Protein backbone atom coordinates (compact mmCIF):
# COMPACT_ATOMS: atom_id res chain seq x y z
CA MET A 1 0.26 0.22 -0.03
CA ARG A 2 1.19 3.62 -0.83
CA ALA A 3 2.39 5.47 2.48
CA LYS A 4 -0.35 7.16 4.67
CA PRO A 5 -0.16 10.60 5.44
CA ALA A 6 -0.62 11.93 8.35
CA PRO A 7 -3.66 12.48 10.28
CA ILE A 8 -5.09 15.81 9.66
CA ASN A 9 -6.25 17.52 13.19
CA THR A 10 -8.82 19.59 11.33
CA THR A 11 -11.07 19.85 14.91
CA GLU A 12 -8.07 21.60 16.66
CA ALA A 13 -7.27 23.87 13.78
CA THR A 14 -11.20 25.00 13.64
CA ASP A 15 -11.25 25.92 17.12
CA ALA A 16 -8.20 27.36 17.63
CA ALA A 17 -9.41 29.72 14.55
CA SER A 18 -13.10 30.41 16.43
CA ARG A 19 -11.04 31.45 19.69
CA GLY A 20 -10.05 34.71 17.38
CA PHE A 21 -13.50 34.59 15.29
CA SER A 22 -17.04 34.21 16.33
CA ILE A 23 -20.21 34.37 14.31
CA ASP A 24 -23.63 36.56 16.30
CA ALA A 25 -26.04 33.93 14.52
CA HIS A 26 -29.31 36.24 15.28
CA ARG A 27 -27.15 39.23 12.91
CA LEU A 28 -26.93 37.10 10.39
CA VAL A 29 -31.01 36.52 10.72
CA ALA A 30 -32.63 37.45 7.46
CA PRO A 31 -35.90 39.74 8.33
CA LYS A 32 -38.25 37.21 7.45
CA LEU A 33 -38.17 33.53 5.72
CA ALA A 34 -40.29 32.88 3.11
CA ALA A 35 -42.32 29.69 4.35
CA GLY A 36 -40.98 26.63 3.09
CA LEU A 37 -38.80 23.37 3.65
CA TYR A 38 -35.32 24.30 3.77
CA LEU A 39 -32.13 21.77 3.41
CA VAL A 40 -29.85 22.07 5.10
CA ALA A 41 -26.05 20.86 4.91
CA THR A 42 -24.13 21.11 7.91
CA PRO A 43 -20.80 19.41 8.53
CA ILE A 44 -19.86 16.21 8.53
CA GLY A 45 -16.83 16.86 10.96
CA ASN A 46 -15.64 20.39 11.78
CA LEU A 47 -18.11 22.27 12.78
CA GLY A 48 -16.20 25.53 11.28
CA ASP A 49 -17.50 24.13 7.58
CA ILE A 50 -21.59 25.34 8.19
CA THR A 51 -22.29 28.22 5.69
CA LEU A 52 -23.36 31.41 6.11
CA ARG A 53 -26.49 30.70 4.92
CA ALA A 54 -27.07 28.13 6.55
CA LEU A 55 -26.45 29.56 10.17
CA GLN A 56 -28.90 32.25 8.97
CA THR A 57 -31.66 30.00 7.85
CA LEU A 58 -31.25 27.44 10.64
CA ALA A 59 -31.37 30.85 13.01
CA ALA A 60 -34.64 32.41 11.52
CA VAL A 61 -36.72 29.00 11.33
CA GLU A 62 -39.21 27.77 13.79
CA ILE A 63 -38.33 24.44 13.52
CA ILE A 64 -35.05 22.55 12.58
CA ALA A 65 -36.27 18.84 11.70
CA CYS A 66 -33.37 16.67 12.58
CA GLU A 67 -32.45 12.83 13.26
CA ASP A 68 -30.60 13.36 16.34
CA THR A 69 -31.41 16.05 18.44
CA ARG A 70 -28.31 15.90 20.50
CA ILE A 71 -26.00 15.77 17.32
CA THR A 72 -27.90 18.69 15.87
CA ARG A 73 -27.47 20.54 19.22
CA ARG A 74 -24.00 20.56 18.95
CA LEU A 75 -24.27 22.58 16.24
CA THR A 76 -27.02 25.09 17.54
CA GLU A 77 -25.57 25.22 20.72
CA ARG A 78 -21.63 26.05 19.23
CA TYR A 79 -23.58 29.35 17.00
CA ASP A 80 -26.26 30.27 19.79
CA ILE A 81 -29.17 29.19 17.39
CA ALA A 82 -32.59 28.58 19.49
CA ALA A 83 -34.99 27.43 17.10
CA GLN A 84 -37.09 24.69 18.31
CA LEU A 85 -35.39 20.85 17.75
CA LYS A 86 -37.83 18.51 16.60
CA PRO A 87 -36.60 14.46 15.54
CA TYR A 88 -37.02 13.35 12.35
CA HIS A 89 -35.91 10.08 11.60
CA GLU A 90 -36.99 6.79 10.07
CA HIS A 91 -38.68 5.25 13.33
CA ASN A 92 -40.85 8.13 13.25
CA ALA A 93 -41.27 9.71 10.19
CA GLU A 94 -44.98 8.31 9.56
CA ALA A 95 -45.98 10.34 12.33
CA ALA A 96 -43.83 13.34 12.11
CA ARG A 97 -44.49 14.12 8.28
CA PRO A 98 -48.18 15.50 9.37
CA LYS A 99 -47.13 17.98 11.93
CA ILE A 100 -44.81 19.24 9.80
CA LEU A 101 -46.92 19.61 6.85
CA GLU A 102 -49.44 21.53 9.37
CA ALA A 103 -46.38 24.28 10.53
CA LEU A 104 -45.89 24.35 7.23
CA ALA A 105 -49.72 24.61 6.05
CA ALA A 106 -49.76 27.55 8.62
CA GLY A 107 -47.29 29.68 6.88
CA GLY A 108 -44.19 28.26 9.13
CA SER A 109 -40.47 27.96 7.97
CA VAL A 110 -39.16 24.33 8.68
CA ALA A 111 -35.18 23.29 8.17
CA LEU A 112 -34.60 19.78 7.73
CA VAL A 113 -30.91 18.58 8.58
CA SER A 114 -29.29 15.27 8.66
CA ASP A 115 -26.73 13.98 11.41
CA ALA A 116 -24.15 15.06 9.11
CA GLY A 117 -23.88 16.28 5.69
CA THR A 118 -26.30 16.93 2.99
CA PRO A 119 -30.12 16.01 3.78
CA LEU A 120 -31.77 12.86 1.91
CA ILE A 121 -28.12 11.76 0.63
CA SER A 122 -28.74 8.33 2.79
CA ASP A 123 -30.63 10.06 5.15
CA PRO A 124 -34.53 10.17 5.47
CA GLY A 125 -36.04 12.99 3.67
CA TYR A 126 -37.47 11.64 0.32
CA LYS A 127 -41.06 11.39 1.55
CA LEU A 128 -41.34 14.21 3.27
CA VAL A 129 -39.59 16.49 0.32
CA ARG A 130 -42.39 14.12 -2.07
CA GLU A 131 -45.21 15.34 -0.12
CA VAL A 132 -44.33 18.94 0.87
CA CYS A 133 -44.03 19.51 -2.74
CA ALA A 134 -47.05 17.31 -3.37
CA ALA A 135 -49.30 20.41 -1.01
CA GLY A 136 -47.79 22.87 -2.42
CA HIS A 137 -45.22 23.77 -0.33
CA ALA A 138 -41.51 25.83 -1.12
CA VAL A 139 -38.54 23.69 -0.94
CA TYR A 140 -35.11 25.36 -0.53
CA ALA A 141 -32.14 23.50 -0.98
CA LEU A 142 -28.54 25.34 0.85
CA PRO A 143 -25.77 23.17 -0.40
CA GLY A 144 -23.24 22.74 1.91
CA PRO A 145 -20.69 19.55 3.22
CA SER A 146 -21.07 15.97 1.76
CA SER A 147 -19.09 13.16 2.07
CA VAL A 148 -19.60 11.93 -0.87
CA LEU A 149 -18.11 14.86 -2.87
CA ALA A 150 -15.64 15.47 -0.38
CA ALA A 151 -13.91 11.34 -1.13
CA LEU A 152 -14.34 11.56 -4.61
CA SER A 153 -12.48 15.07 -5.01
CA VAL A 154 -9.52 13.55 -2.53
CA ALA A 155 -9.38 9.99 -4.28
CA ALA A 156 -7.50 11.08 -7.20
CA LEU A 157 -9.97 9.03 -9.78
CA PRO A 158 -11.60 10.35 -12.21
CA THR A 159 -15.01 13.00 -11.83
CA ASP A 160 -16.12 13.07 -15.05
CA ARG A 161 -18.84 10.20 -14.16
CA PHE A 162 -19.51 8.46 -11.09
CA PHE A 163 -22.09 6.25 -9.05
CA PHE A 164 -23.00 6.84 -5.69
CA GLU A 165 -24.07 3.67 -4.37
CA GLY A 166 -24.81 4.32 -0.57
CA PHE A 167 -24.09 1.12 1.85
CA LEU A 168 -23.52 -2.08 0.71
CA PRO A 169 -25.76 -5.47 2.06
CA SER A 170 -24.48 -6.50 5.31
CA LYS A 171 -24.71 -10.38 4.16
CA SER A 172 -21.69 -11.70 2.61
CA ALA A 173 -23.86 -12.89 -0.47
CA ALA A 174 -25.68 -9.89 -1.32
CA ARG A 175 -22.99 -8.41 -0.83
CA LYS A 176 -21.08 -9.93 -3.75
CA SER A 177 -23.71 -9.49 -5.95
CA ARG A 178 -24.20 -6.60 -6.26
CA LEU A 179 -20.51 -5.63 -6.22
CA ALA A 180 -21.22 -7.88 -9.41
CA GLU A 181 -23.63 -5.47 -10.75
CA LEU A 182 -21.69 -1.94 -9.96
CA ALA A 183 -18.23 -3.67 -11.27
CA ARG A 184 -20.43 -3.05 -14.73
CA ILE A 185 -20.75 0.68 -14.67
CA ASP A 186 -18.74 2.93 -16.60
CA ALA A 187 -18.20 5.34 -13.63
CA THR A 188 -16.43 6.14 -10.38
CA LEU A 189 -17.81 4.45 -7.44
CA VAL A 190 -18.42 5.83 -4.30
CA MET A 191 -19.95 3.60 -1.53
CA PHE A 192 -20.13 3.94 2.61
CA GLU A 193 -19.07 1.25 4.61
CA SER A 194 -19.47 0.64 8.15
CA GLY A 195 -15.91 -0.02 10.56
CA ASN A 196 -17.26 -3.57 11.03
CA ARG A 197 -17.55 -3.86 7.33
CA VAL A 198 -15.21 -2.77 5.52
CA GLN A 199 -12.50 -5.38 6.17
CA ASP A 200 -14.59 -7.88 4.24
CA THR A 201 -16.30 -5.42 1.54
CA LEU A 202 -12.06 -4.61 0.91
CA ALA A 203 -11.97 -8.39 0.81
CA GLU A 204 -15.04 -8.89 -2.07
CA LEU A 205 -13.68 -5.73 -3.88
CA ALA A 206 -10.19 -7.13 -4.16
CA GLU A 207 -11.58 -10.15 -5.56
CA ILE A 208 -14.30 -8.73 -7.86
CA MET A 209 -12.21 -5.53 -9.59
CA GLY A 210 -8.84 -6.18 -7.96
CA THR A 211 -7.00 -4.07 -10.22
CA ARG A 212 -8.89 -1.20 -10.10
CA GLU A 213 -7.32 2.05 -8.48
CA ALA A 214 -9.43 3.01 -5.00
CA ALA A 215 -9.18 5.00 -1.67
CA ILE A 216 -10.45 4.87 1.29
CA CYS A 217 -11.88 8.18 3.28
CA ARG A 218 -11.84 7.75 6.78
CA GLU A 219 -13.46 10.09 9.58
CA LEU A 220 -13.23 13.08 6.60
CA THR A 221 -12.82 16.34 8.04
CA LYS A 222 -12.78 15.15 11.62
CA LEU A 223 -9.89 14.77 13.86
CA HIS A 224 -8.05 11.63 12.64
CA GLU A 225 -9.15 12.03 8.92
CA GLU A 226 -7.09 9.65 6.76
CA ILE A 227 -6.71 8.95 3.26
CA SER A 228 -5.32 5.40 1.73
CA ARG A 229 -5.07 5.46 -1.94
CA ALA A 230 -3.69 2.03 -4.08
CA THR A 231 -5.44 -0.67 -5.94
CA LEU A 232 -8.10 -2.55 -4.33
CA SER A 233 -5.77 -6.06 -3.95
CA GLU A 234 -3.21 -3.06 -2.39
CA LEU A 235 -5.87 -2.06 0.18
CA ALA A 236 -7.41 -5.49 0.69
CA ARG A 237 -3.80 -7.34 1.69
CA GLU A 238 -3.75 -4.75 4.37
CA ALA A 239 -6.62 -4.44 5.34
CA ASP A 240 -5.69 -5.99 8.75
CA THR A 241 -3.82 -2.58 9.81
CA LEU A 242 -6.76 -0.95 8.99
CA GLU A 243 -8.10 1.49 11.87
CA THR A 244 -11.67 0.21 11.72
CA ARG A 245 -13.20 2.81 13.74
CA GLY A 246 -15.35 5.65 12.71
CA GLU A 247 -17.56 6.16 9.11
CA PHE A 248 -15.74 5.10 6.01
CA VAL A 249 -16.56 6.57 2.42
CA LEU A 250 -14.77 4.15 -0.73
CA VAL A 251 -14.20 5.33 -3.91
CA ILE A 252 -12.97 2.84 -6.75
CA ALA A 253 -11.90 4.07 -10.25
CA PRO A 254 -14.18 2.56 -13.59
CA PRO A 255 -12.88 -0.55 -15.16
CA ALA A 256 -10.26 -0.32 -17.78
CA ALA A 257 -12.09 -0.21 -21.56
CA ASP A 258 -10.21 -3.43 -22.22
CA ALA A 259 -10.65 -5.65 -19.20
CA ASP A 260 -12.56 -8.03 -18.19
CA VAL A 261 -15.31 -6.46 -15.89
CA LEU A 262 -15.01 -9.75 -13.14
CA THR A 263 -12.15 -12.36 -12.07
CA ALA A 264 -12.78 -15.74 -12.49
CA ASP A 265 -13.73 -15.97 -9.36
CA ALA A 266 -15.88 -13.49 -8.95
CA LEU A 267 -18.13 -15.08 -12.16
CA ASP A 268 -17.91 -18.61 -10.12
CA ASP A 269 -19.65 -16.85 -6.66
CA LEU A 270 -21.86 -14.44 -9.36
CA LEU A 271 -23.13 -17.81 -10.98
CA ARG A 272 -23.22 -19.59 -7.67
CA THR A 273 -25.88 -16.78 -6.18
CA GLN A 274 -27.62 -17.20 -9.52
CA LEU A 275 -28.09 -20.62 -10.05
CA SER A 276 -29.31 -21.08 -6.10
CA THR A 277 -32.36 -19.05 -7.57
CA HIS A 278 -32.53 -19.55 -11.17
CA SER A 279 -32.09 -21.80 -14.31
CA VAL A 280 -28.85 -22.14 -15.75
CA LYS A 281 -30.16 -20.07 -18.89
CA ASP A 282 -30.89 -17.28 -16.54
CA ALA A 283 -28.18 -17.11 -14.56
CA VAL A 284 -26.16 -17.42 -17.79
CA ALA A 285 -27.67 -14.33 -19.16
CA HIS A 286 -27.76 -12.43 -16.04
CA ALA A 287 -23.65 -13.40 -15.54
CA VAL A 288 -23.13 -12.46 -19.34
CA ALA A 289 -24.40 -9.27 -18.91
CA LEU A 290 -22.48 -8.41 -15.84
CA SER A 291 -19.63 -10.23 -16.24
CA GLY A 292 -18.25 -8.81 -19.80
CA ARG A 293 -17.37 -12.03 -20.81
CA PRO A 294 -17.96 -14.01 -23.57
CA ARG A 295 -21.72 -15.80 -23.32
CA ARG A 296 -19.97 -19.21 -24.43
CA GLU A 297 -17.50 -19.07 -21.94
CA VAL A 298 -19.93 -17.78 -18.92
CA TYR A 299 -22.30 -20.71 -20.05
CA ALA A 300 -19.55 -23.07 -19.83
CA ARG A 301 -18.85 -22.81 -16.39
CA ALA A 302 -22.49 -22.04 -15.10
CA LEU A 303 -23.05 -25.84 -16.59
CA GLU A 304 -20.19 -26.95 -14.48
CA LEU A 305 -21.24 -25.40 -11.12
CA ALA A 306 -24.54 -26.42 -11.61
CA LYS A 307 -23.74 -29.94 -11.76
CA ASP A 308 -21.59 -29.40 -8.68
CA LEU A 309 -24.50 -27.88 -6.84
CA ARG A 310 -27.13 -30.09 -7.87
CA GLY A 311 -26.20 -33.73 -8.77
CA GLY A 312 -26.37 -34.77 -11.77
CA ASP A 313 -27.65 -32.95 -15.17
CA GLY A 314 -26.68 -29.08 -15.02
CA GLU A 315 -29.51 -28.06 -17.61
CA ASN A 316 -32.34 -27.67 -15.02
C-alpha cells in the first residue's frame, strides 16, 4: 500500500481559529424567511464547515427537524441558535411528517438537517420532500458539506462521471452479487461502509475488481482524518492493519476499457448465487450482462457449477 499521509487535525485547527473569530448567528438572520421547507447541509465533522447562509437559515426558522436532537444541538449551541429541535428519522417519520406539513400550511418555515452532510443523501427525508411538494409548499436547497463529494475530490480518481451506491448489503452473498453489478458501471464508484464491515468489503472488492485504483477515506474533516490510495488488491492485503473506528467512504476507479469486468473467482460466485434461485439459462444471461465475458465461456462454467450444486444434469 502506498504511504499514508499524517492524520489531519482539522478539529483542533477549527477550535484555534474560532478563538479569534466568532459569529453571532442572530446578526445574520434575514428579516423574514419565506414559508417552506429548507434542506440545510451541515458539517460532516468539522463544525467550521457550516456556511453563513446555513447559520442564517437555522437561526431564522421556527423548527429544525433533525435525525438526532443531541447531535444537532452541538451545532446549534456552538453558534447560539435557539430554534426548536424536533426529531425526524426513519422510525418516527410517519407520525412526524403530518406535523411538519401542518406547520408549513400555517405559513411556517422548517429546516431539515441530517446528522451530518446533505439531507436525503443516505438519510431520511425523501418522502417528506415529496409530500411537501405535493401539498404545494416551497422547498429550498442550501448546499454545503457532503462526504460523497469530499471523498470524490480527494481520491485522485476520475470525477467526470460517478455513481453513488450508499451502503452495500450487510450479508456477504448479497454484497458480492451487488458488487458484481456495480463492476459493470462505467463510472467512478462511491460507497459508504461501516467500520465493522469495511475489511470484508475490501476483500470482496479485491476479489471482483482487484486491479482498480481506489481510495479509503476515513473520518473526513475530523480529528483523525485518513486517506489511503492504492489498488483494491493492495488495500485488501493491508486491511488487517486498518483502523476500523469511524466512518468510511470508499471510492473505486471505473473499469479499464479493455479489461474483463469480473475475475474468474468473482464470476463463479456470481453464477453460484444466481443458480441457487434461477435456471441455468437465466443465470447465464444475468452473468453475461454483468461479467463482460463471452456467453460461451459463461455458459460452460455455469453447467459445471450447476452440476456440482444440483448433482447430475446441470441443464435444469
